[in-house]
N, C-alpha and C. Protein backbone atom coordinates (compact mmCIF):
# COMPACT_ATOMS: atom_id res chain seq x y z
N MET A 1 0.85 -1.45 0.06
CA MET A 1 0.11 0.00 -0.13
C MET A 1 0.68 1.20 -0.14
N GLU A 2 2.23 1.06 0.63
CA GLU A 2 3.05 2.83 0.54
C GLU A 2 3.15 2.62 -0.69
N GLN A 3 3.83 2.03 -1.48
CA GLN A 3 4.00 2.23 -2.66
C GLN A 3 3.02 2.86 -3.78
N ASN A 4 1.81 2.01 -3.68
CA ASN A 4 0.74 2.63 -4.03
C ASN A 4 0.63 4.26 -4.08
N LYS A 5 0.64 4.59 -2.19
CA LYS A 5 0.32 5.89 -2.15
C LYS A 5 1.76 6.70 -2.85
N ASN A 6 2.96 6.46 -2.58
CA ASN A 6 3.97 7.16 -3.06
C ASN A 6 3.75 7.48 -4.77
N THR A 7 3.12 6.37 -4.96
CA THR A 7 2.91 6.91 -6.92
C THR A 7 1.68 7.81 -6.88
N ALA A 8 0.49 7.62 -5.89
CA ALA A 8 -0.23 8.37 -6.44
C ALA A 8 0.28 10.08 -6.04
N ILE A 9 1.04 9.85 -5.15
CA ILE A 9 1.90 11.63 -4.60
C ILE A 9 2.45 12.26 -5.65
N VAL A 10 3.37 11.45 -6.18
CA VAL A 10 3.71 11.33 -7.29
C VAL A 10 2.93 12.41 -8.37
N ALA A 11 2.45 11.56 -8.50
CA ALA A 11 1.10 12.52 -9.74
C ALA A 11 0.53 13.32 -9.39
N TYR A 12 1.15 14.02 -8.56
CA TYR A 12 0.80 15.49 -8.18
C TYR A 12 1.49 16.17 -8.31
N LEU A 13 2.71 15.91 -8.20
CA LEU A 13 3.48 16.75 -8.41
C LEU A 13 4.80 16.80 -10.10
N THR A 14 3.77 18.22 -10.42
CA THR A 14 3.77 18.52 -12.04
C THR A 14 3.36 17.69 -12.81
N LEU A 15 3.26 17.89 -14.13
CA LEU A 15 3.01 17.12 -15.36
C LEU A 15 3.87 15.90 -15.54
N ILE A 16 4.96 16.40 -15.41
CA ILE A 16 6.08 15.54 -15.31
C ILE A 16 6.18 14.45 -14.59
N GLY A 17 5.47 14.65 -13.12
CA GLY A 17 5.24 13.91 -11.95
C GLY A 17 4.36 12.86 -12.50
N ALA A 18 3.18 13.38 -13.20
CA ALA A 18 2.30 12.59 -13.48
C ALA A 18 2.39 11.51 -14.42
N ILE A 19 3.34 11.66 -15.29
CA ILE A 19 4.19 10.44 -16.53
C ILE A 19 4.58 9.69 -15.62
N ILE A 20 5.54 10.19 -14.34
CA ILE A 20 6.43 9.28 -14.05
C ILE A 20 5.90 8.37 -13.13
N ALA A 21 4.40 8.56 -12.75
CA ALA A 21 3.68 7.84 -11.58
C ALA A 21 2.69 6.69 -12.30
N ILE A 22 2.56 7.55 -13.97
CA ILE A 22 2.04 6.07 -15.02
C ILE A 22 3.33 5.24 -15.05
N PHE A 23 4.33 5.55 -15.44
CA PHE A 23 5.24 4.48 -15.59
C PHE A 23 5.43 3.68 -14.46
N MET A 24 5.53 4.12 -13.05
CA MET A 24 5.73 3.58 -12.17
C MET A 24 4.36 2.46 -11.79
N ASN A 25 3.00 2.80 -11.94
CA ASN A 25 1.92 2.07 -12.13
C ASN A 25 1.58 1.00 -13.27
N SER A 26 2.56 1.09 -14.29
CA SER A 26 2.16 0.22 -15.28
C SER A 26 2.43 -1.33 -14.50
N GLU A 27 3.35 -1.65 -14.17
CA GLU A 27 3.24 -3.49 -14.18
C GLU A 27 2.74 -3.21 -13.02
N THR A 28 2.11 -3.03 -11.88
CA THR A 28 0.57 -3.42 -10.96
C THR A 28 -0.50 -3.25 -11.33
N LYS A 29 -0.37 -1.85 -12.07
CA LYS A 29 -2.11 -1.70 -12.24
C LYS A 29 -2.98 -1.44 -10.67
N ASP A 30 -2.39 -0.95 -10.07
CA ASP A 30 -3.48 -0.41 -8.28
C ASP A 30 -4.12 0.23 -8.71
N LYS A 31 -5.53 -0.16 -8.22
CA LYS A 31 -6.57 1.32 -8.53
C LYS A 31 -6.41 2.00 -7.58
N PHE A 32 -5.63 2.46 -6.60
CA PHE A 32 -5.84 3.66 -5.68
C PHE A 32 -4.99 4.29 -6.54
N ALA A 33 -3.33 4.10 -7.16
CA ALA A 33 -2.67 4.53 -7.87
C ALA A 33 -3.36 5.06 -8.97
N SER A 34 -3.70 4.45 -9.88
CA SER A 34 -4.59 4.58 -10.83
C SER A 34 -5.88 5.72 -10.77
N PHE A 35 -6.56 5.58 -9.99
CA PHE A 35 -7.91 6.85 -9.53
C PHE A 35 -6.96 8.24 -9.59
N HIS A 36 -5.40 8.23 -8.84
CA HIS A 36 -5.00 9.67 -8.22
C HIS A 36 -4.50 10.29 -9.77
N ILE A 37 -3.42 9.23 -10.62
CA ILE A 37 -2.87 9.35 -11.86
C ILE A 37 -4.01 10.32 -12.72
N ARG A 38 -5.56 9.51 -13.08
CA ARG A 38 -6.49 9.90 -13.58
C ARG A 38 -6.59 11.59 -13.21
N GLN A 39 -6.61 11.32 -11.72
CA GLN A 39 -7.26 12.82 -11.22
C GLN A 39 -6.37 14.00 -11.60
N ALA A 40 -5.10 13.66 -11.34
CA ALA A 40 -3.83 14.62 -11.26
C ALA A 40 -3.55 15.17 -12.88
N LEU A 41 -3.25 13.82 -13.57
CA LEU A 41 -3.28 14.39 -15.12
C LEU A 41 -4.21 15.31 -16.27
N GLY A 42 -5.47 14.52 -14.93
CA GLY A 42 -6.89 15.63 -15.64
C GLY A 42 -6.54 17.24 -15.26
N ILE A 43 -6.17 17.30 -13.94
CA ILE A 43 -6.08 18.67 -13.46
C ILE A 43 -4.94 19.31 -14.39
N PHE A 44 -3.88 18.71 -14.61
CA PHE A 44 -2.94 19.36 -15.15
C PHE A 44 -3.36 19.86 -16.81
N LEU A 45 -3.81 18.88 -17.39
CA LEU A 45 -4.12 19.36 -18.72
C LEU A 45 -5.40 20.09 -18.80
N THR A 46 -6.10 19.96 -18.08
CA THR A 46 -6.82 20.88 -18.00
C THR A 46 -6.47 22.49 -17.58
N PHE A 47 -5.86 22.35 -16.72
CA PHE A 47 -5.00 23.74 -16.50
C PHE A 47 -4.57 24.18 -17.64
N PHE A 48 -3.63 23.79 -18.61
CA PHE A 48 -2.74 24.17 -19.23
C PHE A 48 -4.18 24.43 -20.64
N ALA A 49 -4.78 23.51 -21.15
CA ALA A 49 -5.81 24.06 -22.16
C ALA A 49 -6.93 24.84 -22.35
N LEU A 50 -6.70 25.32 -20.54
CA LEU A 50 -7.88 26.33 -20.53
C LEU A 50 -6.67 27.84 -20.16
N GLY A 51 -5.85 27.66 -19.57
CA GLY A 51 -4.58 28.62 -18.93
C GLY A 51 -4.23 29.85 -20.14
N TYR A 52 -4.03 28.82 -21.34
CA TYR A 52 -3.73 29.58 -22.71
C TYR A 52 -4.72 30.79 -23.08
N PRO A 53 -6.13 30.61 -22.90
CA PRO A 53 -7.22 31.40 -23.60
C PRO A 53 -7.47 32.11 -22.35
N ILE A 54 -7.37 32.05 -21.03
CA ILE A 54 -7.41 32.65 -19.88
C ILE A 54 -6.55 33.94 -19.72
N GLY A 55 -5.20 33.66 -20.71
CA GLY A 55 -4.53 34.59 -20.44
C GLY A 55 -4.44 36.03 -21.08
N TYR A 56 -5.36 35.77 -22.03
CA TYR A 56 -5.22 36.77 -23.10
C TYR A 56 -6.36 37.86 -22.15
N PHE A 57 -7.01 37.01 -20.65
CA PHE A 57 -7.93 38.24 -20.33
C PHE A 57 -6.93 39.06 -19.45
N ASP A 58 -6.61 40.24 -19.77
CA ASP A 58 -6.00 41.34 -19.06
C ASP A 58 -6.55 42.00 -17.69
N ASN A 59 -7.22 41.09 -17.09
CA ASN A 59 -7.69 41.50 -15.74
C ASN A 59 -7.44 40.55 -14.60
N TRP A 60 -6.88 41.23 -14.00
CA TRP A 60 -6.11 40.16 -12.40
C TRP A 60 -7.06 39.35 -11.61
N MET A 61 -8.39 39.51 -11.83
CA MET A 61 -9.28 39.19 -11.10
C MET A 61 -9.73 37.53 -11.88
N VAL A 62 -9.54 37.38 -13.26
CA VAL A 62 -9.70 36.07 -13.94
C VAL A 62 -9.01 35.46 -13.55
N THR A 63 -7.53 35.93 -14.10
CA THR A 63 -6.38 35.27 -13.98
C THR A 63 -6.09 34.30 -12.51
N SER A 64 -6.41 35.54 -11.50
CA SER A 64 -6.20 35.04 -10.01
C SER A 64 -7.27 34.20 -9.95
N SER A 65 -8.19 34.21 -10.47
CA SER A 65 -9.82 33.35 -9.59
C SER A 65 -9.32 31.80 -10.64
N PHE A 66 -8.87 32.24 -11.70
CA PHE A 66 -8.13 30.56 -12.54
C PHE A 66 -7.23 29.61 -11.98
N TYR A 67 -6.18 30.81 -11.35
CA TYR A 67 -5.56 30.14 -10.30
C TYR A 67 -5.74 29.37 -9.05
N LEU A 68 -6.68 30.15 -8.72
CA LEU A 68 -6.96 29.69 -7.12
C LEU A 68 -8.05 28.57 -7.22
N PHE A 69 -8.66 28.65 -8.34
CA PHE A 69 -9.67 27.42 -8.65
C PHE A 69 -9.03 25.93 -8.71
N PHE A 70 -7.95 26.14 -9.59
CA PHE A 70 -6.65 24.90 -10.00
C PHE A 70 -5.91 24.49 -9.06
N PHE A 71 -5.27 25.57 -8.21
CA PHE A 71 -5.00 25.23 -6.84
C PHE A 71 -6.12 24.51 -6.02
N ILE A 72 -6.69 24.76 -5.91
CA ILE A 72 -8.02 24.10 -4.68
C ILE A 72 -8.40 22.97 -5.16
N LEU A 73 -8.44 22.74 -6.44
CA LEU A 73 -8.63 21.26 -7.16
C LEU A 73 -7.37 20.60 -6.56
N TRP A 74 -6.48 21.12 -7.25
CA TRP A 74 -5.20 20.71 -6.51
C TRP A 74 -4.81 20.05 -5.62
N LEU A 75 -5.20 20.92 -4.44
CA LEU A 75 -4.95 20.59 -3.29
C LEU A 75 -5.89 19.58 -2.67
N PHE A 76 -6.76 19.15 -3.55
CA PHE A 76 -7.87 18.26 -2.83
C PHE A 76 -7.77 17.04 -3.19
N GLY A 77 -7.03 17.04 -4.44
CA GLY A 77 -6.74 15.85 -4.88
C GLY A 77 -5.23 15.29 -4.32
N PHE A 78 -4.60 16.40 -3.85
CA PHE A 78 -3.08 15.83 -3.46
C PHE A 78 -3.65 15.53 -1.91
N LEU A 79 -4.11 16.46 -1.02
CA LEU A 79 -4.83 15.78 -0.10
C LEU A 79 -5.03 14.41 0.34
N GLY A 80 -6.24 14.25 -0.97
CA GLY A 80 -6.80 12.65 -0.82
C GLY A 80 -5.72 11.45 -0.86
N ALA A 81 -4.92 11.99 -1.87
CA ALA A 81 -3.62 11.05 -2.07
C ALA A 81 -2.79 10.69 -0.78
N LEU A 82 -2.81 11.87 0.04
CA LEU A 82 -2.01 12.13 1.23
C LEU A 82 -2.46 11.09 2.48
N ASN A 83 -3.56 11.06 2.55
CA ASN A 83 -4.80 10.77 3.31
C ASN A 83 -5.42 9.05 2.70
N GLY A 84 -4.86 8.43 1.80
CA GLY A 84 -5.25 7.10 1.53
C GLY A 84 -6.87 7.11 0.80
N GLU A 85 -7.11 8.10 0.83
CA GLU A 85 -8.35 8.39 0.24
C GLU A 85 -8.80 8.31 -1.27
N GLN A 86 -10.25 7.99 -1.76
CA GLN A 86 -10.14 7.98 -3.17
C GLN A 86 -11.44 8.83 -3.54
N LYS A 87 -11.44 10.39 -3.07
CA LYS A 87 -12.45 11.39 -3.53
C LYS A 87 -11.94 11.92 -4.73
N VAL A 88 -13.25 11.88 -5.50
CA VAL A 88 -13.03 12.66 -7.21
C VAL A 88 -12.68 14.48 -6.48
N VAL A 89 -11.93 15.07 -7.89
CA VAL A 89 -12.15 15.91 -7.34
C VAL A 89 -13.26 16.78 -7.94
N PRO A 90 -13.98 17.90 -7.34
CA PRO A 90 -15.45 18.48 -7.50
C PRO A 90 -15.33 19.01 -8.55
N LEU A 91 -16.27 19.17 -9.43
CA LEU A 91 -16.76 19.40 -10.64
C LEU A 91 -16.86 18.79 -11.59
N ILE A 92 -15.18 18.60 -12.02
CA ILE A 92 -14.35 17.61 -13.02
C ILE A 92 -13.80 16.04 -13.14
N GLY A 93 -14.08 15.67 -11.82
CA GLY A 93 -13.30 14.92 -11.16
C GLY A 93 -13.98 13.64 -12.28
N ASN A 94 -15.23 13.53 -11.90
CA ASN A 94 -15.78 12.13 -12.89
C ASN A 94 -15.48 12.03 -14.14
N LEU A 95 -15.55 13.26 -14.56
CA LEU A 95 -14.75 13.38 -16.17
C LEU A 95 -13.42 12.99 -16.33
N PHE A 96 -12.68 12.96 -15.50
CA PHE A 96 -11.34 12.18 -15.76
C PHE A 96 -11.21 11.18 -16.03
N GLN A 97 -11.59 10.86 -14.52
CA GLN A 97 -12.28 9.29 -14.80
C GLN A 97 -12.62 8.50 -15.70
N ASN A 98 -13.32 9.11 -16.70
CA ASN A 98 -14.02 8.56 -17.59
C ASN A 98 -13.48 8.31 -18.90
N ILE A 99 -12.79 9.81 -18.93
CA ILE A 99 -11.41 10.30 -19.70
C ILE A 99 -10.15 9.29 -20.19
N PHE A 100 -9.80 9.23 -18.91
CA PHE A 100 -8.23 8.43 -18.78
C PHE A 100 -9.00 6.73 -17.90
N LYS A 101 -9.83 6.43 -18.30
CA LYS A 101 -10.10 5.20 -17.88
C LYS A 101 -9.15 3.93 -18.25
N ASN A 102 -8.27 4.16 -19.26
CA ASN A 102 -7.49 3.33 -19.76
C ASN A 102 -5.91 2.91 -18.67
N LEU A 103 -5.88 3.84 -18.21
CA LEU A 103 -4.58 3.87 -17.44
C LEU A 103 -4.82 3.63 -15.86
């Protein structure tokens, strides 16, 4: 269980960490680690996909709200991995589980 928890935690450490976690979990395919890899990968990819258009808004309230929203999502997932829980990230977590179900 400790190895699976470490893999889940690594998934939340940047996009590269999520990719490393995919390789760490490739042999064992643990459900807990896979769950958090899907959540972390979804958070990072959504952040980058939406971050580019949000960057065109020349308004600090829009951009700071965007960063705060994704930081809260990341923190929710990261704390879940630390505590050994499988809680989906609010609003978009179920979507990540469906999109990345093969990981």
